[in-house]
Amino acid sequence: MINFCDALVSGFLTFTCSVYSMKLFYMLHFAVNIGICTIKFLEFLKLAQSIHQLVTMKR
């Protein structure tokens, strides 16, 4: 009976650890995606600002 309990506990721990690592990985992936989107958005804003400056300078 003790072996069964040990197996159950170790299996549960392994399952919990794997689930948490998957959640952590997904959160990290999500954070990286948000960072990339933010950087691209900022670059787009800079581009728009420079285009706006060019347009206003031509006038």
N, C-alpha and C. Protein backbone atom coordinates (compact mmCIF):
# COMPACT_ATOMS: atom_id res chain seq x y z
N MET A 1 0.83 -1.21 0.00
CA MET A 1 0.00 0.00 0.00
C MET A 1 0.86 1.26 0.00
N ILE A 2 2.00 1.22 0.73
CA ILE A 2 2.89 2.38 0.81
C ILE A 2 3.46 2.70 -0.57
N ASN A 3 3.82 1.64 -1.32
CA ASN A 3 4.38 1.87 -2.66
C ASN A 3 3.37 2.57 -3.56
N PHE A 4 2.11 2.16 -3.44
CA PHE A 4 1.06 2.78 -4.24
C PHE A 4 0.92 4.26 -3.90
N CYS A 5 0.94 4.57 -2.61
CA CYS A 5 0.84 5.97 -2.17
C CYS A 5 2.03 6.77 -2.66
N ASP A 6 3.22 6.20 -2.55
CA ASP A 6 4.42 6.89 -3.03
C ASP A 6 4.31 7.17 -4.53
N ALA A 7 3.86 6.16 -5.26
CA ALA A 7 3.72 6.33 -6.71
C ALA A 7 2.70 7.41 -7.02
N LEU A 8 1.60 7.41 -6.27
CA LEU A 8 0.55 8.39 -6.48
C LEU A 8 1.09 9.80 -6.20
N VAL A 9 1.79 9.95 -5.09
CA VAL A 9 2.32 11.27 -4.71
C VAL A 9 3.35 11.75 -5.73
N SER A 10 4.27 10.86 -6.12
CA SER A 10 5.29 11.28 -7.07
C SER A 10 4.66 11.60 -8.43
N GLY A 11 3.67 10.81 -8.82
CA GLY A 11 2.97 11.09 -10.08
C GLY A 11 2.25 12.43 -10.03
N PHE A 12 1.60 12.69 -8.89
CA PHE A 12 0.90 13.96 -8.73
C PHE A 12 1.87 15.13 -8.78
N LEU A 13 3.01 14.98 -8.09
CA LEU A 13 4.02 16.04 -8.08
C LEU A 13 4.57 16.29 -9.48
N THR A 14 4.85 15.21 -10.20
CA THR A 14 5.38 15.34 -11.56
C THR A 14 4.36 16.05 -12.45
N PHE A 15 3.09 15.63 -12.32
CA PHE A 15 2.02 16.24 -13.11
C PHE A 15 1.89 17.73 -12.79
N THR A 16 1.90 18.05 -11.49
CA THR A 16 1.77 19.45 -11.07
C THR A 16 2.94 20.27 -11.59
N CYS A 17 4.14 19.74 -11.46
CA CYS A 17 5.32 20.46 -11.93
C CYS A 17 5.25 20.70 -13.44
N SER A 18 4.84 19.69 -14.19
CA SER A 18 4.77 19.84 -15.64
C SER A 18 3.70 20.86 -16.02
N VAL A 19 2.56 20.83 -15.32
CA VAL A 19 1.50 21.81 -15.60
C VAL A 19 1.99 23.21 -15.32
N TYR A 20 2.67 23.37 -14.15
CA TYR A 20 3.17 24.70 -13.81
C TYR A 20 4.23 25.17 -14.79
N SER A 21 5.10 24.27 -15.23
CA SER A 21 6.13 24.68 -16.18
C SER A 21 5.50 25.05 -17.52
N MET A 22 4.44 24.34 -17.93
CA MET A 22 3.74 24.69 -19.15
C MET A 22 3.10 26.07 -19.02
N LYS A 23 2.46 26.32 -17.86
CA LYS A 23 1.84 27.63 -17.63
C LYS A 23 2.90 28.72 -17.66
N LEU A 24 4.03 28.45 -17.02
CA LEU A 24 5.13 29.42 -16.99
C LEU A 24 5.63 29.68 -18.40
N PHE A 25 5.78 28.61 -19.18
CA PHE A 25 6.25 28.74 -20.57
C PHE A 25 5.28 29.57 -21.38
N TYR A 26 3.97 29.29 -21.22
CA TYR A 26 2.97 30.05 -21.97
C TYR A 26 2.97 31.52 -21.56
N MET A 27 3.12 31.79 -20.24
CA MET A 27 3.16 33.17 -19.77
C MET A 27 4.39 33.88 -20.32
N LEU A 28 5.52 33.19 -20.35
CA LEU A 28 6.75 33.77 -20.88
C LEU A 28 6.57 34.06 -22.37
N HIS A 29 6.00 33.10 -23.10
CA HIS A 29 5.76 33.26 -24.53
C HIS A 29 4.85 34.47 -24.77
N PHE A 30 3.80 34.57 -23.95
CA PHE A 30 2.84 35.67 -24.04
C PHE A 30 3.54 37.00 -23.79
N ALA A 31 4.39 37.04 -22.75
CA ALA A 31 5.12 38.27 -22.41
C ALA A 31 6.05 38.67 -23.56
N VAL A 32 6.73 37.69 -24.15
CA VAL A 32 7.62 37.97 -25.27
C VAL A 32 6.83 38.52 -26.45
N ASN A 33 5.67 37.91 -26.73
CA ASN A 33 4.83 38.40 -27.83
C ASN A 33 4.37 39.82 -27.57
N ILE A 34 3.98 40.12 -26.33
CA ILE A 34 3.54 41.47 -25.99
C ILE A 34 4.70 42.44 -26.17
N GLY A 35 5.90 42.03 -25.75
CA GLY A 35 7.08 42.88 -25.90
C GLY A 35 7.36 43.18 -27.36
N ILE A 36 7.30 42.15 -28.21
CA ILE A 36 7.56 42.34 -29.64
C ILE A 36 6.50 43.26 -30.24
N CYS A 37 5.24 43.05 -29.87
CA CYS A 37 4.16 43.91 -30.38
C CYS A 37 4.37 45.35 -29.95
N THR A 38 4.79 45.55 -28.69
CA THR A 38 5.02 46.91 -28.19
C THR A 38 6.15 47.57 -28.96
N ILE A 39 7.24 46.83 -29.18
CA ILE A 39 8.38 47.38 -29.93
C ILE A 39 7.96 47.75 -31.35
N LYS A 40 7.21 46.86 -32.00
CA LYS A 40 6.76 47.14 -33.37
C LYS A 40 5.84 48.35 -33.39
N PHE A 41 4.97 48.46 -32.37
CA PHE A 41 4.05 49.59 -32.30
C PHE A 41 4.83 50.88 -32.12
N LEU A 42 5.87 50.86 -31.24
CA LEU A 42 6.68 52.05 -31.02
C LEU A 42 7.43 52.43 -32.30
N GLU A 43 7.97 51.44 -33.02
CA GLU A 43 8.65 51.71 -34.28
C GLU A 43 7.68 52.33 -35.28
N PHE A 44 6.46 51.81 -35.30
CA PHE A 44 5.43 52.35 -36.19
C PHE A 44 5.12 53.80 -35.83
N LEU A 45 5.04 54.09 -34.52
CA LEU A 45 4.78 55.46 -34.08
C LEU A 45 5.91 56.38 -34.51
N LYS A 46 7.17 55.90 -34.34
CA LYS A 46 8.32 56.71 -34.77
C LYS A 46 8.27 56.98 -36.27
N LEU A 47 7.94 55.95 -37.02
CA LEU A 47 7.83 56.09 -38.48
C LEU A 47 6.74 57.11 -38.83
N ALA A 48 5.59 56.98 -38.18
CA ALA A 48 4.49 57.91 -38.44
C ALA A 48 4.90 59.33 -38.07
N GLN A 49 5.63 59.47 -36.97
CA GLN A 49 6.06 60.80 -36.54
C GLN A 49 7.04 61.40 -37.56
N SER A 50 7.97 60.59 -38.06
CA SER A 50 8.93 61.09 -39.04
C SER A 50 8.23 61.46 -40.35
N ILE A 51 7.25 60.64 -40.74
CA ILE A 51 6.48 60.97 -41.96
C ILE A 51 5.72 62.27 -41.74
N HIS A 52 5.15 62.43 -40.56
CA HIS A 52 4.42 63.65 -40.23
C HIS A 52 5.35 64.86 -40.29
N GLN A 53 6.58 64.70 -39.76
CA GLN A 53 7.55 65.79 -39.80
C GLN A 53 7.92 66.13 -41.24
N LEU A 54 8.12 65.10 -42.06
CA LEU A 54 8.45 65.34 -43.47
C LEU A 54 7.33 66.11 -44.16
N VAL A 55 6.09 65.70 -43.88
CA VAL A 55 4.94 66.36 -44.52
C VAL A 55 4.86 67.81 -44.07
N THR A 56 5.06 68.05 -42.76
CA THR A 56 4.96 69.42 -42.26
C THR A 56 6.14 70.27 -42.73
N MET A 57 7.31 69.67 -42.94
CA MET A 57 8.47 70.43 -43.41
C MET A 57 8.29 70.85 -44.87
N LYS A 58 7.60 70.05 -45.65
CA LYS A 58 7.41 70.38 -47.08
C LYS A 58 6.48 71.57 -47.26
N ARG A 59 5.60 71.79 -46.28
CA ARG A 59 4.65 72.90 -46.41
C ARG A 59 5.33 74.24 -46.21
